[in-house]
Amino acid sequence: MATSLIITYEQALYFRAIRGHLAGPGVAGDAAESALQIARTMVGVQSQQLGPSSYGVCIRARQRPTAAAIKSALMTSERKRVVRTWAQRETLHLLDPVDWPVVVAARAHWANAGRRNLPPTEADLASALAFVTTSERLVTRSDLTDELSDTFMATVRPHIEKNAKYLFKTPPTDAELDEAIRRFCAGRLLWQLCNLGLLSAADKIGREQAYAPRAQWFPDLAWPELDPDDANRQLIRRYLAVAAPATAQDISHFFNARMSHVKRWLGQLADELVAVECGAKKGLLALRADAELLQRAISADVDWPVRMLPMWDGMMMTHADKTWTLPDTSEHKLVWRRAAVVAPVVLVRGQIVATWRHKLKAKRVDVTLTKLKGWANAEAERGATLMAAVQAQADDLAAHLDLPEAAVK
């Protein structure tokens, strides 16, 4: 594949901002019309916690929906607009329902995770699905603890006993050990049924995550049988449409797919791809159809708004190479933290200049910034307008949370 496209770092970042609905008003492809469109564009919105993913939808949507409105769209049986289930990197995502069967098919070629050990039997899964489907309400893990086979629990018991010192502060009683086994088994059943596309996450009941059967919440959803290779090629096209230019390593990182598979899929897509040169970075690819937009000229005064992105925002997860958004590698651990935590960040012209955290008060949200090295350059270029832009973003966060004001420090 001959190199035929040469772009700058800023052109690459601006392309991602446009396609990721972060480039600002008036830019083609900027504001999305719905959470559904955002979930599809982003190849899923990462959603370990609903709050951050709701705000990630809000900042990309034309109407700036509140957290309550997004929760209603996701969690009530009357709406059923977006699916929340496990997708790439074994992580909960918000998906367009039509992408659900594609993700389920593609998973066959994604790398195994630790949670795939001790799988339930087909009989266990069938029994659990029957229970969930016939239940008169949404089902939680606690609801399934009395529906487990002795065989499955016996299989899991050695694992729980071996790891008891990590699971309990003091040596467990027999009753505590039995409860841990039951909750592990019930959780594994729900997780596997979600992976098969038979359940999706709904609202919480008390403090527990509840689940709904696809047959009840999405009765009219077509579910084609897809070849796993074809499903992955579909998803790679969609990934490149929002995250190009990218390498095979970036794609492997985003989907947690084996490099051998990724290289094979890219070979099959070769006629649709173009090689990209961007500074010193190597092995970059993009969709040939996006060449014109990638080469779009960007002046120094282009309207490119400052953005406050939430925890685990999709734009922070797209590339294995983090230097695109944070050139100083010594600061990476301040954003991509232990235990798979990705901090909320402030982006200026596509690069991270600060992290932030917030605290809710009775009538406002307090936002605290921690400036990184890039802040000084951004401040020199933008002056007082930089803090004004952050304040405007904090005001959007307050409105999203139905609070009247925000304070930034």
Protein backbone atom coordinates (compact mmCIF):
# COMPACT_ATOMS: atom_id res chain seq x y z
CA MET A 1 0.00 0.00 0.00
CA ALA A 2 1.81 3.15 -1.20
CA THR A 3 1.84 6.18 1.08
CA SER A 4 -0.34 8.84 -0.49
CA LEU A 5 -1.47 10.97 2.44
CA ILE A 6 0.69 13.35 4.49
CA ILE A 7 -0.91 15.25 7.38
CA THR A 8 0.10 17.15 10.53
CA TYR A 9 -0.54 16.09 14.13
CA GLU A 10 -3.13 18.83 14.46
CA GLN A 11 -4.97 17.67 11.34
CA ALA A 12 -5.13 14.18 12.83
CA LEU A 13 -6.48 15.48 16.14
CA TYR A 14 -8.98 17.76 14.41
CA PHE A 15 -10.30 14.88 12.30
CA ARG A 16 -10.92 12.88 15.49
CA ALA A 17 -12.61 15.86 17.11
CA ILE A 18 -14.94 16.30 14.14
CA ARG A 19 -15.84 12.63 13.93
CA GLY A 20 -16.06 12.33 17.72
CA HIS A 21 -18.63 15.17 17.93
CA LEU A 22 -16.18 17.43 19.80
CA ALA A 23 -15.15 19.98 17.18
CA GLY A 24 -17.66 22.74 17.86
CA PRO A 25 -20.81 24.22 16.35
CA GLY A 26 -21.00 24.60 12.62
CA VAL A 27 -18.45 21.90 11.87
CA ALA A 28 -19.66 19.05 9.68
CA GLY A 29 -20.44 16.02 11.76
CA ASP A 30 -20.09 17.85 15.08
CA ALA A 31 -23.15 17.72 17.30
CA ALA A 32 -25.10 14.49 17.31
CA GLU A 33 -28.85 14.34 17.39
CA SER A 34 -29.19 11.50 19.91
CA ALA A 35 -27.45 9.14 22.30
CA LEU A 36 -28.10 6.46 19.70
CA GLN A 37 -26.08 8.32 17.06
CA ILE A 38 -23.23 8.93 19.52
CA ALA A 39 -23.09 5.28 20.57
CA ARG A 40 -22.90 4.26 16.92
CA THR A 41 -20.32 6.88 15.93
CA MET A 42 -18.03 6.08 18.85
CA VAL A 43 -18.28 2.30 18.30
CA GLY A 44 -19.82 2.19 21.75
CA VAL A 45 -19.57 4.63 24.68
CA GLN A 46 -17.54 3.13 27.51
CA SER A 47 -19.81 2.93 30.55
CA GLN A 48 -18.38 1.25 33.64
CA GLN A 49 -20.30 3.93 35.52
CA LEU A 50 -23.41 5.46 34.04
CA GLY A 51 -22.67 8.99 35.30
CA PRO A 52 -19.47 9.61 33.29
CA SER A 53 -20.84 7.98 30.15
CA SER A 54 -24.01 10.11 30.42
CA TYR A 55 -21.91 13.26 30.52
CA GLY A 56 -19.86 11.97 27.59
CA VAL A 57 -23.10 11.69 25.62
CA CYS A 58 -24.24 15.13 26.80
CA ILE A 59 -21.19 17.04 25.54
CA ARG A 60 -21.56 15.46 22.09
CA ALA A 61 -25.32 15.94 21.67
CA ARG A 62 -26.97 18.98 20.11
CA GLN A 63 -29.67 19.24 22.78
CA ARG A 64 -27.31 18.65 25.77
CA PRO A 65 -29.54 16.08 27.51
CA THR A 66 -29.59 15.88 31.30
CA ALA A 67 -28.37 12.85 33.22
CA ALA A 68 -31.97 12.05 34.13
CA ALA A 69 -33.06 12.13 30.48
CA ILE A 70 -30.26 9.82 29.39
CA LYS A 71 -30.99 7.40 32.21
CA SER A 72 -34.64 7.33 31.14
CA ALA A 73 -33.64 6.59 27.56
CA LEU A 74 -31.46 3.73 28.69
CA MET A 75 -33.20 2.17 31.61
CA THR A 76 -36.94 2.18 31.06
CA SER A 77 -38.78 -0.51 29.15
CA GLU A 78 -40.85 2.14 27.33
CA ARG A 79 -37.80 3.69 25.62
CA LYS A 80 -35.21 1.01 24.85
CA ARG A 81 -33.15 3.30 22.63
CA VAL A 82 -29.62 2.25 23.61
CA VAL A 83 -28.19 -1.06 24.83
CA ARG A 84 -25.83 -1.15 27.81
CA THR A 85 -23.80 -4.33 27.84
CA TRP A 86 -20.26 -5.73 27.76
CA ALA A 87 -18.35 -5.03 24.57
CA GLN A 88 -14.68 -4.46 23.69
CA ARG A 89 -12.03 -4.78 26.39
CA GLU A 90 -14.54 -6.73 28.53
CA THR A 91 -16.07 -3.40 29.56
CA LEU A 92 -19.64 -2.14 29.74
CA HIS A 93 -20.53 0.09 26.78
CA LEU A 94 -23.56 1.90 25.43
CA LEU A 95 -24.34 0.47 21.98
CA ASP A 96 -26.71 1.14 19.13
CA PRO A 97 -28.97 -1.96 19.23
CA VAL A 98 -28.14 -2.79 15.59
CA ASP A 99 -24.48 -3.04 16.62
CA TRP A 100 -25.23 -5.50 19.40
CA PRO A 101 -25.21 -8.65 17.21
CA VAL A 102 -22.07 -7.35 15.45
CA VAL A 103 -20.22 -7.03 18.76
CA VAL A 104 -21.44 -10.44 19.95
CA ALA A 105 -20.16 -12.06 16.75
CA ALA A 106 -16.85 -10.17 16.82
CA ARG A 107 -16.09 -11.28 20.39
CA ALA A 108 -15.17 -14.73 19.10
CA HIS A 109 -11.83 -13.30 17.93
CA TRP A 110 -11.11 -10.96 20.82
CA ALA A 111 -8.53 -12.00 23.39
CA ASN A 112 -9.72 -14.04 26.33
CA ALA A 113 -10.02 -12.36 29.70
CA GLY A 114 -9.75 -13.88 33.16
CA ARG A 115 -13.51 -13.83 33.55
CA ARG A 116 -13.82 -16.51 30.87
CA ASN A 117 -12.55 -19.22 33.22
CA LEU A 118 -15.00 -21.38 35.18
CA PRO A 119 -17.75 -21.02 32.56
CA PRO A 120 -21.30 -22.17 33.33
CA THR A 121 -22.67 -25.14 31.42
CA GLU A 122 -25.28 -24.86 28.70
CA ALA A 123 -27.81 -26.27 31.16
CA ASP A 124 -26.92 -23.60 33.74
CA LEU A 125 -27.30 -20.85 31.14
CA ALA A 126 -30.63 -22.21 29.89
CA SER A 127 -31.99 -22.43 33.42
CA ALA A 128 -30.85 -18.88 34.26
CA LEU A 129 -32.30 -17.47 31.02
CA ALA A 130 -35.62 -19.17 31.68
CA PHE A 131 -35.71 -17.66 35.17
CA VAL A 132 -34.90 -14.15 33.91
CA THR A 133 -37.37 -14.37 31.04
CA THR A 134 -40.27 -15.53 33.21
CA SER A 135 -39.58 -13.12 36.05
CA GLU A 136 -42.18 -10.42 36.52
CA ARG A 137 -39.49 -7.79 37.08
CA LEU A 138 -35.88 -7.04 36.26
CA VAL A 139 -33.43 -9.53 37.75
CA THR A 140 -30.31 -8.93 39.87
CA ARG A 141 -27.50 -11.22 40.87
CA SER A 142 -29.18 -11.82 44.24
CA ASP A 143 -32.28 -13.12 42.48
CA LEU A 144 -30.25 -15.87 40.80
CA THR A 145 -28.41 -17.18 43.86
CA ASP A 146 -31.14 -19.71 44.61
CA GLU A 147 -31.37 -20.89 40.99
CA LEU A 148 -27.89 -22.44 40.72
CA SER A 149 -27.00 -26.05 40.07
CA ASP A 150 -24.95 -27.96 42.63
CA THR A 151 -22.59 -28.96 39.84
CA PHE A 152 -21.75 -25.38 38.89
CA MET A 153 -21.24 -24.35 42.51
CA ALA A 154 -18.99 -27.36 43.12
CA THR A 155 -16.87 -26.33 40.13
CA VAL A 156 -16.47 -22.82 41.50
CA ARG A 157 -15.86 -23.76 45.16
CA PRO A 158 -12.09 -24.50 44.82
CA HIS A 159 -11.56 -21.10 43.15
CA ILE A 160 -13.32 -19.23 45.97
CA GLU A 161 -11.56 -21.22 48.67
CA LYS A 162 -8.17 -20.60 47.05
CA ASN A 163 -8.80 -16.85 46.93
CA ALA A 164 -10.58 -16.51 50.27
CA LYS A 165 -7.75 -14.46 51.77
CA TYR A 166 -8.34 -11.80 49.10
CA LEU A 167 -12.12 -11.92 49.33
CA PHE A 168 -12.56 -11.76 53.09
CA LYS A 169 -10.95 -9.65 55.79
CA THR A 170 -11.10 -12.54 58.24
CA PRO A 171 -11.38 -16.32 57.68
CA PRO A 172 -14.92 -16.89 56.35
CA THR A 173 -17.58 -18.97 57.99
CA ASP A 174 -19.19 -21.77 55.97
CA ALA A 175 -22.21 -19.53 55.40
CA GLU A 176 -20.04 -16.65 54.14
CA LEU A 177 -18.14 -19.00 51.83
CA ASP A 178 -21.39 -20.41 50.45
CA GLU A 179 -22.74 -16.90 49.84
CA ALA A 180 -19.56 -15.92 47.99
CA ILE A 181 -19.81 -19.00 45.78
CA ARG A 182 -23.44 -18.29 44.99
CA ARG A 183 -22.80 -14.65 44.11
CA PHE A 184 -19.82 -15.58 41.93
CA CYS A 185 -21.88 -18.16 40.04
CA ALA A 186 -24.85 -15.82 39.61
CA GLY A 187 -22.59 -13.02 38.38
CA ARG A 188 -20.89 -15.33 35.90
CA LEU A 189 -24.27 -16.46 34.52
CA LEU A 190 -25.48 -12.88 34.00
CA TRP A 191 -22.18 -11.86 32.40
CA GLN A 192 -22.23 -14.81 29.99
CA LEU A 193 -25.87 -14.24 29.03
CA CYS A 194 -24.99 -10.62 28.23
CA ASN A 195 -22.04 -11.77 26.12
CA LEU A 196 -24.38 -14.02 24.15
CA GLY A 197 -26.68 -11.07 23.49
CA LEU A 198 -29.53 -12.50 25.54
CA LEU A 199 -29.54 -9.90 28.36
CA SER A 200 -28.58 -6.26 28.75
CA ALA A 201 -28.04 -4.03 31.77
CA ALA A 202 -31.04 -2.05 32.97
CA ASP A 203 -31.52 0.20 36.00
CA LYS A 204 -30.33 -0.67 39.49
CA ILE A 205 -32.60 -2.23 42.07
CA GLY A 206 -31.32 -0.89 45.36
CA ARG A 207 -27.55 -1.04 45.04
CA GLU A 208 -27.51 -3.95 42.60
CA GLN A 209 -27.30 -3.85 38.83
CA ALA A 210 -30.44 -5.27 37.22
CA TYR A 211 -30.76 -6.98 33.83
CA ALA A 212 -33.47 -7.32 31.20
CA PRO A 213 -33.92 -10.03 28.56
CA ARG A 214 -33.45 -8.99 24.94
CA ALA A 215 -36.62 -10.83 23.94
CA GLN A 216 -38.68 -8.51 26.16
CA TRP A 217 -36.88 -5.18 25.79
CA PHE A 218 -35.94 -5.46 22.12
CA PRO A 219 -38.58 -7.82 20.69
CA ASP A 220 -38.32 -6.39 17.15
CA LEU A 221 -34.53 -6.29 16.96
CA ALA A 222 -33.19 -8.31 14.03
CA TRP A 223 -30.42 -10.68 15.03
CA PRO A 224 -28.51 -11.85 11.96
CA GLU A 225 -25.98 -14.66 12.14
CA LEU A 226 -22.68 -12.97 11.35
CA ASP A 227 -19.28 -14.36 10.49
CA PRO A 228 -16.83 -13.20 13.23
CA ASP A 229 -14.29 -12.03 10.64
CA ASP A 230 -16.91 -9.98 8.81
CA ALA A 231 -18.12 -8.51 12.12
CA ASN A 232 -14.60 -7.41 13.01
CA ARG A 233 -14.03 -5.86 9.60
CA GLN A 234 -17.23 -3.86 10.06
CA LEU A 235 -16.04 -2.61 13.44
CA ILE A 236 -12.55 -1.73 12.16
CA ARG A 237 -14.09 0.43 9.41
CA ARG A 238 -16.16 2.19 12.06
CA TYR A 239 -13.17 2.59 14.36
CA LEU A 240 -11.05 4.18 11.62
CA ALA A 241 -13.91 6.49 10.70
CA VAL A 242 -13.64 8.14 14.13
CA ALA A 243 -10.07 7.39 15.29
CA ALA A 244 -7.83 7.56 12.20
CA PRO A 245 -5.00 7.72 11.63
CA ALA A 246 -4.24 4.60 13.64
CA THR A 247 -1.95 1.58 13.61
CA ALA A 248 -2.67 -2.12 13.84
CA GLN A 249 -1.47 -1.90 17.45
CA ASP A 250 -4.08 0.79 18.15
CA ILE A 251 -6.84 -1.39 16.73
CA SER A 252 -5.63 -4.38 18.75
CA HIS A 253 -5.66 -2.19 21.87
CA PHE A 254 -9.14 -0.79 21.25
CA PHE A 255 -10.83 -4.15 20.71
CA ASN A 256 -8.45 -6.29 22.79
CA ALA A 257 -7.98 -8.38 19.66
CA ARG A 258 -4.94 -10.45 18.77
CA MET A 259 -2.46 -8.73 16.46
CA SER A 260 -2.40 -11.72 14.12
CA HIS A 261 -6.15 -11.32 13.58
CA VAL A 262 -5.94 -7.53 13.21
CA LYS A 263 -3.25 -7.78 10.52
CA ARG A 264 -5.33 -10.34 8.62
CA TRP A 265 -8.44 -8.14 8.74
CA LEU A 266 -6.48 -5.09 7.61
CA GLY A 267 -5.08 -7.12 4.73
CA GLN A 268 -8.63 -7.98 3.69
CA LEU A 269 -9.54 -4.27 3.85
CA ALA A 270 -6.44 -3.10 1.96
CA ASP A 271 -8.37 -1.70 -1.01
CA GLU A 272 -10.33 0.58 1.35
CA LEU A 273 -7.29 1.91 3.22
CA VAL A 274 -4.61 4.50 2.68
CA ALA A 275 -1.26 4.74 4.43
CA VAL A 276 -0.69 7.98 6.34
CA GLU A 277 2.47 9.90 7.19
CA CYS A 278 2.20 12.08 10.29
CA GLY A 279 5.43 13.35 11.78
CA ALA A 280 7.58 10.55 13.17
CA LYS A 281 4.73 8.13 13.76
CA LYS A 282 4.85 4.90 11.77
CA GLY A 283 2.38 2.38 10.42
CA LEU A 284 -0.61 4.73 10.32
CA LEU A 285 -3.75 3.90 8.34
CA ALA A 286 -7.00 5.62 7.47
CA LEU A 287 -10.01 4.96 5.29
CA ARG A 288 -9.40 6.12 1.75
CA ALA A 289 -12.85 7.73 1.81
CA ASP A 290 -11.72 10.07 4.63
CA ALA A 291 -8.60 11.42 2.90
CA GLU A 292 -10.13 14.80 2.07
CA LEU A 293 -11.36 15.46 5.61
CA LEU A 294 -8.03 14.37 7.11
CA GLN A 295 -6.21 16.90 4.92
CA ARG A 296 -8.52 19.76 5.84
CA ALA A 297 -6.54 22.95 6.43
CA ILE A 298 -6.57 24.21 10.04
CA SER A 299 -5.70 27.81 10.79
CA ALA A 300 -4.41 28.92 14.19
CA ASP A 301 -7.71 30.66 14.97
CA VAL A 302 -10.02 27.80 13.96
CA ASP A 303 -13.01 27.52 16.28
CA TRP A 304 -12.06 24.40 18.24
CA PRO A 305 -13.65 24.50 21.69
CA VAL A 306 -12.04 23.53 24.95
CA ARG A 307 -13.62 20.30 26.19
CA MET A 308 -13.96 18.72 29.62
CA LEU A 309 -14.13 14.96 29.02
CA PRO A 310 -15.42 12.59 31.72
CA MET A 311 -13.73 9.55 33.20
CA TRP A 312 -13.17 6.74 30.69
CA ASP A 313 -14.18 8.92 27.77
CA GLY A 314 -13.92 7.05 24.49
CA MET A 315 -11.47 9.55 23.02
CA MET A 316 -9.00 8.57 25.76
CA MET A 317 -9.36 4.87 24.94
CA THR A 318 -8.91 4.80 21.17
CA HIS A 319 -5.13 4.50 20.81
CA ALA A 320 -2.38 2.46 22.39
CA ASP A 321 -0.11 5.43 21.59
CA LYS A 322 -1.07 8.00 24.26
CA THR A 323 1.39 10.63 23.04
CA TRP A 324 -1.17 11.89 20.53
CA THR A 325 -3.11 13.55 23.33
CA LEU A 326 -0.41 13.79 26.01
CA PRO A 327 3.10 14.14 24.53
CA ASP A 328 4.92 14.06 27.89
CA THR A 329 5.06 10.37 28.83
CA SER A 330 5.98 11.24 32.44
CA GLU A 331 2.41 12.52 32.88
CA HIS A 332 0.63 9.47 31.46
CA LYS A 333 0.15 7.88 34.89
CA LEU A 334 -1.75 11.01 35.98
CA VAL A 335 -4.42 10.25 33.36
CA TRP A 336 -4.26 6.50 32.71
CA ARG A 337 -4.14 5.35 36.30
CA ARG A 338 -4.02 2.11 38.23
CA ALA A 339 -6.94 -0.32 38.26
CA ALA A 340 -7.89 0.75 34.70
CA VAL A 341 -9.03 4.20 35.85
CA VAL A 342 -8.87 6.92 33.18
CA ALA A 343 -9.11 10.38 34.70
CA PRO A 344 -11.44 13.12 33.45
CA VAL A 345 -9.42 15.61 31.41
CA VAL A 346 -9.47 19.05 29.82
CA LEU A 347 -8.68 19.04 26.09
CA VAL A 348 -7.36 22.08 24.23
CA ARG A 349 -6.99 21.60 20.47
CA GLY A 350 -7.11 17.86 20.99
CA GLN A 351 -4.43 17.63 23.68
CA ILE A 352 -4.72 17.13 27.44
CA VAL A 353 -3.75 20.17 29.53
CA ALA A 354 -5.36 19.29 32.89
CA THR A 355 -7.28 16.67 34.82
CA TRP A 356 -10.36 17.52 36.86
CA ARG A 357 -12.64 16.19 39.54
CA HIS A 358 -15.98 17.36 40.82
CA LYS A 359 -18.00 17.38 44.01
CA LEU A 360 -21.75 17.88 44.20
CA LYS A 361 -23.16 20.46 46.59
CA ALA A 362 -26.79 21.28 47.30
CA LYS A 363 -27.04 23.94 44.59
CA ARG A 364 -23.83 23.71 42.60
CA VAL A 365 -21.05 21.49 41.36
CA ASP A 366 -17.49 22.31 42.41
CA VAL A 367 -14.88 21.51 39.76
CA THR A 368 -11.21 21.32 40.75
CA LEU A 369 -8.52 21.43 38.04
CA THR A 370 -5.06 19.91 38.26
CA LYS A 371 -2.95 21.61 35.61
CA LEU A 372 -0.50 19.55 33.55
CA LYS A 373 2.50 20.85 31.61
CA GLY A 374 0.44 21.64 28.53
CA TRP A 375 -1.68 24.15 30.46
CA ALA A 376 0.99 26.86 30.35
CA ASN A 377 1.21 26.75 26.55
CA ALA A 378 -2.57 26.77 26.20
CA GLU A 379 -2.85 29.68 28.63
CA ALA A 380 -0.19 31.63 26.75
CA GLU A 381 -2.15 31.19 23.52
CA ARG A 382 -5.66 31.76 24.90
CA GLY A 383 -5.09 34.01 27.91
CA ALA A 384 -8.11 34.57 30.15
CA THR A 385 -10.37 32.89 27.61
CA LEU A 386 -9.00 29.48 28.65
CA MET A 387 -10.48 29.64 32.16
CA ALA A 388 -13.64 31.17 30.72
CA ALA A 389 -13.95 28.18 28.39
CA VAL A 390 -13.44 25.74 31.26
CA GLN A 391 -16.07 27.62 33.27
CA ALA A 392 -18.51 27.30 30.36
CA GLN A 393 -17.87 23.55 30.27
CA ALA A 394 -18.41 23.33 34.03
CA ASP A 395 -21.69 25.21 33.60
CA ASP A 396 -22.72 22.56 31.04
CA LEU A 397 -21.88 19.88 33.60
CA ALA A 398 -24.02 21.62 36.21
CA ALA A 399 -26.95 21.85 33.80
CA HIS A 400 -26.50 18.17 32.92
CA LEU A 401 -26.81 17.35 36.63
CA ASP A 402 -29.81 19.69 37.10
CA LEU A 403 -27.83 22.09 39.27
CA PRO A 404 -28.02 25.88 38.84
CA GLU A 405 -24.31 26.72 38.86
CA ALA A 406 -20.72 25.52 38.84
CA ALA A 407 -17.58 26.81 40.55
CA VAL A 408 -14.10 26.13 39.16
CA LYS A 409 -10.85 26.32 41.08
